[in-house]
């Protein structure tokens, strides 16, 4: 029997239906024996709630100085969930949307992982709720559960899925990764850094977004910069200054380790000139600006020639700083951002639209940046390399590399750009007043962890195809329906009471 390559078999799966059981077994064996190449993201989709506030208006409502949120944080708008939506409904929406848009049969999913820090249940994984989308197909043979560590969970879920496809455990099917969160804060200075959203990613071989797995550098530590010890509240405890310092220290350490791995593999030094784009986890855009400036400073410390004479001259007064001191030196912060400004516009700015327009999406934030880059540059990304920095408080962080390549399979960057349809999703947002936003936050506080209730928010904030909460019963079981666009004809799609799809 002729043994087909993994690429050939994946292509066959895209254009043909499964044959008999015997043929399927033969195909699975053939795929498992073929070493998958160019593993990465084949397809993506993005979902975020329609309810939105403008940061300038929130500044006025909160009585803070003009520009505190828009310039000081670098944010433009913030989207949020009403009591009709939660992390499960957003995950249901984005998974169903991806499967439909890319015509992926549920039987073709062999692994499903969710990265989230939004706690719905202390035991039951979000992934278990998503399994209801696969019941009709009869596919319950899907590995994976949830990964949790602040904003890093989505990266952990993605790494697990990439590793599975590259391993001897891979059975030839796709992996599906969901990064989703509702980021909310108590009233105060942190509240404007909230947001909500979900990103779904289909993982497999011969991908247009290929992960260079040998170029992954990680830093983990035990720190209390952001955590959620109060199980009766959705709000975190935040040490803002410590969290920023930990973030910048983590990107320093990850970048240095990444450079060493690159030099060992390639036999030459890595500098930011070797990266066409940089995507960073975005709690707020100002920190992303500082992050890129830190990378420039790290290149300078390694070798001043890496940044050019003009930049080196400006950074020279800070050459002798200890790393701990450099992390809190305001003069260095200003100078390094000034030095980085030009490259920031070309390497970072094309990745910032969704994080600035939606707010912090925790686990989904980094991948919303990646989606933004594809949205903005899909037709010109072939052959480009990006580096991505993932950070989750507590802390867990990684810096890793990806390459874009077209023509390896039927999946393409331009197709991802088209199917995500980011522009129309942004246009469909509903601009609410800060007063409505604050009232909704108060409502959500009373509903967090509650039972025996039906949401009271208007369905006019839901787009067609969006899953929403229909009720939480006396045993805390959640039920969901898919909104059809007609308030009187929604079809009950997912019933948390009995676990069946209707």
Foldseek 3Di string as FASTA:
>chain_A
DDQDALLVLVQCVLPDPDDDPVSLVVSLVSHLVHQFALKDFQFKAKDFFQEKAFVQLVCVVVVHDGCCCCPVQVFTMAGADFQFDFQLLQQLLRVVLRCVLSVPQLQQEQEEEEEEAQDLDPPAFSVLQNCQVCVVVVDPNYDYTWAYFWLCRQVVQRVVQSVCQRDSNDRSGKHKYKYWHFFAADPDDLRSQTFTMMMMTIIHGLHQKGFPVLLKFKDDDQDPQWACPDLLFSHIDHDPVVVLLVQLVGLLRQVVVSQVSCCVVPVDGDACVQAQAEFEQCSGVVSVLLNQLSSLLSLCLVPVPRLPDVLNVLCVVVNPDDPSVCSPDPSSSVSSSVSCVVVCVRHPVQQCVCCNHHHHRRNCRRVSSVLSNLLRQQVPQAQGKYWYWTFGPSTIIMITMIGGHPDRHPRGSVSNNVSNPVVVSSVSRDHDRVVVVVVSVVVVSVVRVDACDARDDDCVSPDQSGKTWGHQHPVRFTFIWGHHPDPVDTDRAAGRVVGHGD
